[in-house]
Amino acid sequence: MAMVDEMRGAFRHQIQLTDDEGKVWKGRAVGFVPDYDNEEDDEPGYNELDLDVIEPDGHIVHYAFRESEIKSIEIID
């Protein structure tokens, strides 16, 4: 399955994401932005997955991952 399809499928799920540096992130995929919505005049578009991670102190931290930064996604809910 293509990564963009995995990103779309992860939306609204609790996931484990491994980034391109091997770091593992666990949280809820709260958004998917397709490449055509991320176009700039001088830069081509890119797919993006938004992830909310609950920190040990209870705060929610929002992260945005470009498709090129994601090694794998696993749905865990």
PDB file of N, CA and C in Angstrom:
ATOM      1  N   MET A   1       0.850  -1.177   0.000  1.00  0.00           N
ATOM      2  CA  MET A   1       0.000   0.000   0.000  1.00  0.00           C
ATOM      3  C   MET A   1       0.898   1.243   0.000  1.00  0.00           C
ATOM      4  N   ALA A   2       0.529   2.231  -0.759  1.00  0.00           N
ATOM      5  CA  ALA A   2       1.292   3.476  -0.829  1.00  0.00           C
ATOM      6  C   ALA A   2       1.141   4.253   0.480  1.00  0.00           C
ATOM      7  N   MET A   3       2.183   4.992   0.843  1.00  0.00           N
ATOM      8  CA  MET A   3       2.162   5.747   2.098  1.00  0.00           C
ATOM      9  C   MET A   3       1.004   6.731   2.146  1.00  0.00           C
ATOM     10  N   VAL A   4       0.684   7.373   1.033  1.00  0.00           N
ATOM     11  CA  VAL A   4      -0.429   8.323   1.037  1.00  0.00           C
ATOM     12  C   VAL A   4      -1.738   7.613   1.399  1.00  0.00           C
ATOM     13  N   ASP A   5      -1.918   6.374   0.968  1.00  0.00           N
ATOM     14  CA  ASP A   5      -3.120   5.610   1.323  1.00  0.00           C
ATOM     15  C   ASP A   5      -3.117   5.250   2.806  1.00  0.00           C
ATOM     16  N   GLU A   6      -1.943   4.931   3.355  1.00  0.00           N
ATOM     17  CA  GLU A   6      -1.840   4.647   4.789  1.00  0.00           C
ATOM     18  C   GLU A   6      -2.146   5.905   5.604  1.00  0.00           C
ATOM     19  N   MET A   7      -1.684   7.050   5.117  1.00  0.00           N
ATOM     20  CA  MET A   7      -1.956   8.314   5.805  1.00  0.00           C
ATOM     21  C   MET A   7      -3.453   8.604   5.828  1.00  0.00           C
ATOM     22  N   ARG A   8      -4.117   8.441   4.700  1.00  0.00           N
ATOM     23  CA  ARG A   8      -5.574   8.659   4.634  1.00  0.00           C
ATOM     24  C   ARG A   8      -6.304   7.688   5.556  1.00  0.00           C
ATOM     25  N   GLY A   9      -5.877   6.426   5.556  1.00  0.00           N
ATOM     26  CA  GLY A   9      -6.523   5.406   6.378  1.00  0.00           C
ATOM     27  C   GLY A   9      -6.321   5.608   7.863  1.00  0.00           C
ATOM     28  N   ALA A  10      -5.246   6.284   8.248  1.00  0.00           N
ATOM     29  CA  ALA A  10      -4.944   6.513   9.666  1.00  0.00           C
ATOM     30  C   ALA A  10      -5.781   7.634  10.267  1.00  0.00           C
ATOM     31  N   PHE A  11      -6.330   8.511   9.426  1.00  0.00           N
ATOM     32  CA  PHE A  11      -7.099   9.666   9.898  1.00  0.00           C
ATOM     33  C   PHE A  11      -8.205   9.217  10.851  1.00  0.00           C
ATOM     34  N   ARG A  12      -8.275   9.874  12.005  1.00  0.00           N
ATOM     35  CA  ARG A  12      -9.249   9.633  13.078  1.00  0.00           C
ATOM     36  C   ARG A  12      -8.969   8.367  13.893  1.00  0.00           C
ATOM     37  N   HIS A  13      -7.802   7.797  13.739  1.00  0.00           N
ATOM     38  CA  HIS A  13      -7.432   6.604  14.500  1.00  0.00           C
ATOM     39  C   HIS A  13      -6.285   6.907  15.455  1.00  0.00           C
ATOM     40  N   GLN A  14      -6.191   6.068  16.486  1.00  0.00           N
ATOM     41  CA  GLN A  14      -5.019   6.072  17.366  1.00  0.00           C
ATOM     42  C   GLN A  14      -3.946   5.295  16.615  1.00  0.00           C
ATOM     43  N   ILE A  15      -2.755   5.882  16.462  1.00  0.00           N
ATOM     44  CA  ILE A  15      -1.728   5.257  15.639  1.00  0.00           C
ATOM     45  C   ILE A  15      -0.370   5.260  16.325  1.00  0.00           C
ATOM     46  N   GLN A  16       0.490   4.436  15.784  1.00  0.00           N
ATOM     47  CA  GLN A  16       1.919   4.477  16.103  1.00  0.00           C
ATOM     48  C   GLN A  16       2.624   4.811  14.803  1.00  0.00           C
ATOM     49  N   LEU A  17       3.323   5.925  14.793  1.00  0.00           N
ATOM     50  CA  LEU A  17       4.014   6.397  13.600  1.00  0.00           C
ATOM     51  C   LEU A  17       5.515   6.327  13.868  1.00  0.00           C
ATOM     52  N   THR A  18       6.250   5.764  12.938  1.00  0.00           N
ATOM     53  CA  THR A  18       7.701   5.762  13.002  1.00  0.00           C
ATOM     54  C   THR A  18       8.207   6.736  11.946  1.00  0.00           C
ATOM     55  N   ASP A  19       8.996   7.715  12.398  1.00  0.00           N
ATOM     56  CA  ASP A  19       9.475   8.715  11.443  1.00  0.00           C
ATOM     57  C   ASP A  19      10.738   8.228  10.735  1.00  0.00           C
ATOM     58  N   ASP A  20      11.223   9.038   9.807  1.00  0.00           N
ATOM     59  CA  ASP A  20      12.364   8.655   8.980  1.00  0.00           C
ATOM     60  C   ASP A  20      13.681   8.558   9.753  1.00  0.00           C
ATOM     61  N   GLU A  21      13.689   9.006  11.007  1.00  0.00           N
ATOM     62  CA  GLU A  21      14.876   8.886  11.852  1.00  0.00           C
ATOM     63  C   GLU A  21      14.738   7.741  12.859  1.00  0.00           C
ATOM     64  N   GLY A  22      13.620   6.997  12.783  1.00  0.00           N
ATOM     65  CA  GLY A  22      13.405   5.854  13.650  1.00  0.00           C
ATOM     66  C   GLY A  22      12.699   6.161  14.956  1.00  0.00           C
ATOM     67  N   LYS A  23      12.313   7.408  15.189  1.00  0.00           N
ATOM     68  CA  LYS A  23      11.595   7.771  16.408  1.00  0.00           C
ATOM     69  C   LYS A  23      10.137   7.330  16.289  1.00  0.00           C
ATOM     70  N   VAL A  24       9.609   6.758  17.391  1.00  0.00           N
ATOM     71  CA  VAL A  24       8.227   6.271  17.415  1.00  0.00           C
ATOM     72  C   VAL A  24       7.348   7.293  18.125  1.00  0.00           C
ATOM     73  N   TRP A  25       6.231   7.620  17.494  1.00  0.00           N
ATOM     74  CA  TRP A  25       5.254   8.568  18.021  1.00  0.00           C
ATOM     75  C   TRP A  25       3.927   7.844  18.173  1.00  0.00           C
ATOM     76  N   LYS A  26       3.229   8.030  19.289  1.00  0.00           N
ATOM     77  CA  LYS A  26       1.895   7.452  19.481  1.00  0.00           C
ATOM     78  C   LYS A  26       0.922   8.580  19.752  1.00  0.00           C
ATOM     79  N   GLY A  27      -0.193   8.562  19.026  1.00  0.00           N
ATOM     80  CA  GLY A  27      -1.202   9.594  19.207  1.00  0.00           C
ATOM     81  C   GLY A  27      -2.370   9.381  18.273  1.00  0.00           C
ATOM     82  N   ARG A  28      -3.252  10.378  18.226  1.00  0.00           N
ATOM     83  CA  ARG A  28      -4.431  10.323  17.361  1.00  0.00           C
ATOM     84  C   ARG A  28      -4.174  11.142  16.111  1.00  0.00           C
ATOM     85  N   ALA A  29      -4.400  10.506  14.960  1.00  0.00           N
ATOM     86  CA  ALA A  29      -4.281  11.207  13.680  1.00  0.00           C
ATOM     87  C   ALA A  29      -5.509  12.095  13.526  1.00  0.00           C
ATOM     88  N   VAL A  30      -5.308  13.404  13.631  1.00  0.00           N
ATOM     89  CA  VAL A  30      -6.423  14.345  13.645  1.00  0.00           C
ATOM     90  C   VAL A  30      -6.605  15.097  12.337  1.00  0.00           C
ATOM     91  N   GLY A  31      -5.736  14.851  11.384  1.00  0.00           N
ATOM     92  CA  GLY A  31      -5.892  15.548  10.109  1.00  0.00           C
ATOM     93  C   GLY A  31      -5.032  14.940   9.026  1.00  0.00           C
ATOM     94  N   PHE A  32      -5.530  15.040   7.814  1.00  0.00           N
ATOM     95  CA  PHE A  32      -4.761  14.667   6.626  1.00  0.00           C
ATOM     96  C   PHE A  32      -4.932  15.794   5.626  1.00  0.00           C
ATOM     97  N   VAL A  33      -3.818  16.340   5.153  1.00  0.00           N
ATOM     98  CA  VAL A  33      -3.860  17.421   4.168  1.00  0.00           C
ATOM     99  C   VAL A  33      -3.204  16.906   2.894  1.00  0.00           C
ATOM    100  N   PRO A  34      -3.978  16.816   1.797  1.00  0.00           N
ATOM    101  CA  PRO A  34      -3.406  16.308   0.537  1.00  0.00           C
ATOM    102  C   PRO A  34      -2.464  17.322  -0.101  1.00  0.00           C
ATOM    103  N   ASP A  35      -1.625  16.809  -0.975  1.00  0.00           N
ATOM    104  CA  ASP A  35      -0.597  17.644  -1.603  1.00  0.00           C
ATOM    105  C   ASP A  35      -1.150  18.873  -2.309  1.00  0.00           C
ATOM    106  N   TYR A  36      -2.310  18.748  -2.934  1.00  0.00           N
ATOM    107  CA  TYR A  36      -2.845  19.890  -3.682  1.00  0.00           C
ATOM    108  C   TYR A  36      -3.312  21.020  -2.766  1.00  0.00           C
ATOM    109  N   ASP A  37      -3.499  20.741  -1.471  1.00  0.00           N
ATOM    110  CA  ASP A  37      -3.849  21.791  -0.515  1.00  0.00           C
ATOM    111  C   ASP A  37      -2.614  22.382   0.166  1.00  0.00           C
ATOM    112  N   ASN A  38      -1.445  21.839  -0.106  1.00  0.00           N
ATOM    113  CA  ASN A  38      -0.196  22.335   0.474  1.00  0.00           C
ATOM    114  C   ASN A  38       0.731  22.939  -0.578  1.00  0.00           C
ATOM    115  N   GLU A  39       0.191  23.353  -1.694  1.00  0.00           N
ATOM    116  CA  GLU A  39       1.016  23.953  -2.754  1.00  0.00           C
ATOM    117  C   GLU A  39       1.318  25.409  -2.444  1.00  0.00           C
ATOM    118  N   GLU A  40       2.528  25.795  -2.760  1.00  0.00           N
ATOM    119  CA  GLU A  40       2.934  27.196  -2.684  1.00  0.00           C
ATOM    120  C   GLU A  40       3.368  27.605  -4.087  1.00  0.00           C
ATOM    121  N   ASP A  41       3.492  28.889  -4.317  1.00  0.00           N
ATOM    122  CA  ASP A  41       3.879  29.380  -5.649  1.00  0.00           C
ATOM    123  C   ASP A  41       5.228  28.818  -6.084  1.00  0.00           C
ATOM    124  N   ASP A  42       6.179  28.711  -5.140  1.00  0.00           N
ATOM    125  CA  ASP A  42       7.524  28.288  -5.502  1.00  0.00           C
ATOM    126  C   ASP A  42       7.867  26.886  -4.998  1.00  0.00           C
ATOM    127  N   GLU A  43       6.889  26.173  -4.449  1.00  0.00           N
ATOM    128  CA  GLU A  43       7.158  24.843  -3.899  1.00  0.00           C
ATOM    129  C   GLU A  43       6.019  23.894  -4.257  1.00  0.00           C
ATOM    130  N   PRO A  44       6.354  22.685  -4.732  1.00  0.00           N
ATOM    131  CA  PRO A  44       5.290  21.721  -5.025  1.00  0.00           C
ATOM    132  C   PRO A  44       4.613  21.273  -3.738  1.00  0.00           C
ATOM    133  N   GLY A  45       3.429  20.746  -3.858  1.00  0.00           N
ATOM    134  CA  GLY A  45       2.672  20.308  -2.694  1.00  0.00           C
ATOM    135  C   GLY A  45       3.228  19.033  -2.080  1.00  0.00           C
ATOM    136  N   TYR A  46       2.802  18.752  -0.853  1.00  0.00           N
ATOM    137  CA  TYR A  46       3.196  17.532  -0.156  1.00  0.00           C
ATOM    138  C   TYR A  46       2.043  17.066   0.723  1.00  0.00           C
ATOM    139  N   ASN A  47       1.923  15.763   0.903  1.00  0.00           N
ATOM    140  CA  ASN A  47       0.910  15.197   1.785  1.00  0.00           C
ATOM    141  C   ASN A  47       1.385  15.342   3.225  1.00  0.00           C
ATOM    142  N   GLU A  48       0.424  15.616   4.127  1.00  0.00           N
ATOM    143  CA  GLU A  48       0.776  15.847   5.530  1.00  0.00           C
ATOM    144  C   GLU A  48      -0.224  15.138   6.439  1.00  0.00           C
ATOM    145  N   LEU A  49       0.275  14.505   7.492  1.00  0.00           N
ATOM    146  CA  LEU A  49      -0.564  13.866   8.505  1.00  0.00           C
ATOM    147  C   LEU A  49      -0.373  14.618   9.812  1.00  0.00           C
ATOM    148  N   ASP A  50      -1.468  15.036  10.431  1.00  0.00           N
ATOM    149  CA  ASP A  50      -1.423  15.764  11.696  1.00  0.00           C
ATOM    150  C   ASP A  50      -1.686  14.793  12.838  1.00  0.00           C
ATOM    151  N   LEU A  51      -0.855  14.868  13.881  1.00  0.00           N
ATOM    152  CA  LEU A  51      -0.903  13.926  14.988  1.00  0.00           C
ATOM    153  C   LEU A  51      -0.944  14.677  16.303  1.00  0.00           C
ATOM    154  N   ASP A  52      -1.906  14.337  17.170  1.00  0.00           N
ATOM    155  CA  ASP A  52      -1.964  14.868  18.523  1.00  0.00           C
ATOM    156  C   ASP A  52      -1.425  13.817  19.480  1.00  0.00           C
ATOM    157  N   VAL A  53      -0.409  14.204  20.246  1.00  0.00           N
ATOM    158  CA  VAL A  53       0.248  13.310  21.195  1.00  0.00           C
ATOM    159  C   VAL A  53      -0.011  13.832  22.606  1.00  0.00           C
ATOM    160  N   ILE A  54      -0.462  12.937  23.503  1.00  0.00           N
ATOM    161  CA  ILE A  54      -0.670  13.319  24.896  1.00  0.00           C
ATOM    162  C   ILE A  54       0.635  13.089  25.652  1.00  0.00           C
ATOM    163  N   GLU A  55       1.191  14.158  26.188  1.00  0.00           N
ATOM    164  CA  GLU A  55       2.436  14.096  26.952  1.00  0.00           C
ATOM    165  C   GLU A  55       2.165  13.513  28.346  1.00  0.00           C
ATOM    166  N   PRO A  56       3.195  13.031  29.025  1.00  0.00           N
ATOM    167  CA  PRO A  56       3.011  12.467  30.364  1.00  0.00           C
ATOM    168  C   PRO A  56       2.333  13.422  31.349  1.00  0.00           C
ATOM    169  N   ASP A  57       2.512  14.737  31.168  1.00  0.00           N
ATOM    170  CA  ASP A  57       1.883  15.708  32.071  1.00  0.00           C
ATOM    171  C   ASP A  57       0.437  16.026  31.678  1.00  0.00           C
ATOM    172  N   GLY A  58      -0.076  15.360  30.631  1.00  0.00           N
ATOM    173  CA  GLY A  58      -1.463  15.540  30.211  1.00  0.00           C
ATOM    174  C   GLY A  58      -1.679  16.552  29.105  1.00  0.00           C
ATOM    175  N   HIS A  59      -0.660  17.325  28.762  1.00  0.00           N
ATOM    176  CA  HIS A  59      -0.801  18.299  27.680  1.00  0.00           C
ATOM    177  C   HIS A  59      -0.819  17.598  26.323  1.00  0.00           C
ATOM    178  N   ILE A  60      -1.616  18.135  25.427  1.00  0.00           N
ATOM    179  CA  ILE A  60      -1.669  17.610  24.063  1.00  0.00           C
ATOM    180  C   ILE A  60      -0.767  18.464  23.178  1.00  0.00           C
ATOM    181  N   VAL A  61       0.133  17.796  22.475  1.00  0.00           N
ATOM    182  CA  VAL A  61       1.053  18.488  21.571  1.00  0.00           C
ATOM    183  C   VAL A  61       0.715  18.060  20.144  1.00  0.00           C
ATOM    184  N   HIS A  62       0.628  19.041  19.263  1.00  0.00           N
ATOM    185  CA  HIS A  62       0.261  18.810  17.859  1.00  0.00           C
ATOM    186  C   HIS A  62       1.529  18.746  17.005  1.00  0.00           C
ATOM    187  N   TYR A  63       1.619  17.712  16.180  1.00  0.00           N
ATOM    188  CA  TYR A  63       2.745  17.551  15.257  1.00  0.00           C
ATOM    189  C   TYR A  63       2.194  17.368  13.849  1.00  0.00           C
ATOM    190  N   ALA A  64       2.951  17.819  12.871  1.00  0.00           N
ATOM    191  CA  ALA A  64       2.600  17.637  11.465  1.00  0.00           C
ATOM    192  C   ALA A  64       3.764  16.922  10.778  1.00  0.00           C
ATOM    193  N   PHE A  65       3.454  15.810  10.120  1.00  0.00           N
ATOM    194  CA  PHE A  65       4.471  15.021   9.444  1.00  0.00           C
ATOM    195  C   PHE A  65       4.231  15.032   7.942  1.00  0.00           C
ATOM    196  N   ARG A  66       5.253  15.390   7.189  1.00  0.00           N
ATOM    197  CA  ARG A  66       5.184  15.272   5.735  1.00  0.00           C
ATOM    198  C   ARG A  66       5.318  13.796   5.367  1.00  0.00           C
ATOM    199  N   GLU A  67       4.765  13.421   4.250  1.00  0.00           N
ATOM    200  CA  GLU A  67       4.854  12.035   3.779  1.00  0.00           C
ATOM    201  C   GLU A  67       6.303  11.560   3.742  1.00  0.00           C
ATOM    202  N   SER A  68       7.209  12.419   3.311  1.00  0.00           N
ATOM    203  CA  SER A  68       8.616  12.050   3.194  1.00  0.00           C
ATOM    204  C   SER A  68       9.286  11.794   4.552  1.00  0.00           C
ATOM    205  N   GLU A  69       8.652  12.215   5.642  1.00  0.00           N
ATOM    206  CA  GLU A  69       9.212  12.040   6.985  1.00  0.00           C
ATOM    207  C   GLU A  69       8.702  10.777   7.678  1.00  0.00           C
ATOM    208  N   ILE A  70       7.782  10.057   7.040  1.00  0.00           N
ATOM    209  CA  ILE A  70       7.145   8.897   7.666  1.00  0.00           C
ATOM    210  C   ILE A  70       7.711   7.608   7.101  1.00  0.00           C
ATOM    211  N   LYS A  71       8.182   6.750   8.004  1.00  0.00           N
ATOM    212  CA  LYS A  71       8.681   5.430   7.606  1.00  0.00           C
ATOM    213  C   LYS A  71       7.555   4.403   7.640  1.00  0.00           C
ATOM    214  N   SER A  72       6.716   4.446   8.715  1.00  0.00           N
ATOM    215  CA  SER A  72       5.609   3.492   8.807  1.00  0.00           C
ATOM    216  C   SER A  72       4.509   4.043   9.697  1.00  0.00           C
ATOM    217  N   ILE A  73       3.308   3.514   9.503  1.00  0.00           N
ATOM    218  CA  ILE A  73       2.139   3.843  10.304  1.00  0.00           C
ATOM    219  C   ILE A  73       1.444   2.554  10.680  1.00  0.00           C
ATOM    220  N   GLU A  74       1.091   2.438  11.957  1.00  0.00           N
ATOM    221  CA  GLU A  74       0.334   1.277  12.423  1.00  0.00           C
ATOM    222  C   GLU A  74      -0.876   1.784  13.204  1.00  0.00           C
ATOM    223  N   ILE A  75      -2.059   1.347  12.814  1.00  0.00           N
ATOM    224  CA  ILE A  75      -3.285   1.706  13.547  1.00  0.00           C
ATOM    225  C   ILE A  75      -3.360   0.817  14.779  1.00  0.00           C
ATOM    226  N   ILE A  76      -3.547   1.443  15.961  1.00  0.00           N
ATOM    227  CA  ILE A  76      -3.539   0.668  17.190  1.00  0.00           C
ATOM    228  C   ILE A  76      -4.867   0.702  17.952  1.00  0.00           C
ATOM    229  N   ASP A  77      -5.902   1.337  17.426  1.00  0.00           N
ATOM    230  CA  ASP A  77      -7.195   1.300  18.134  1.00  0.00           C
ATOM    231  C   ASP A  77      -8.168   0.363  17.483  1.00  0.00           C
TER     232      ASP A  77
END
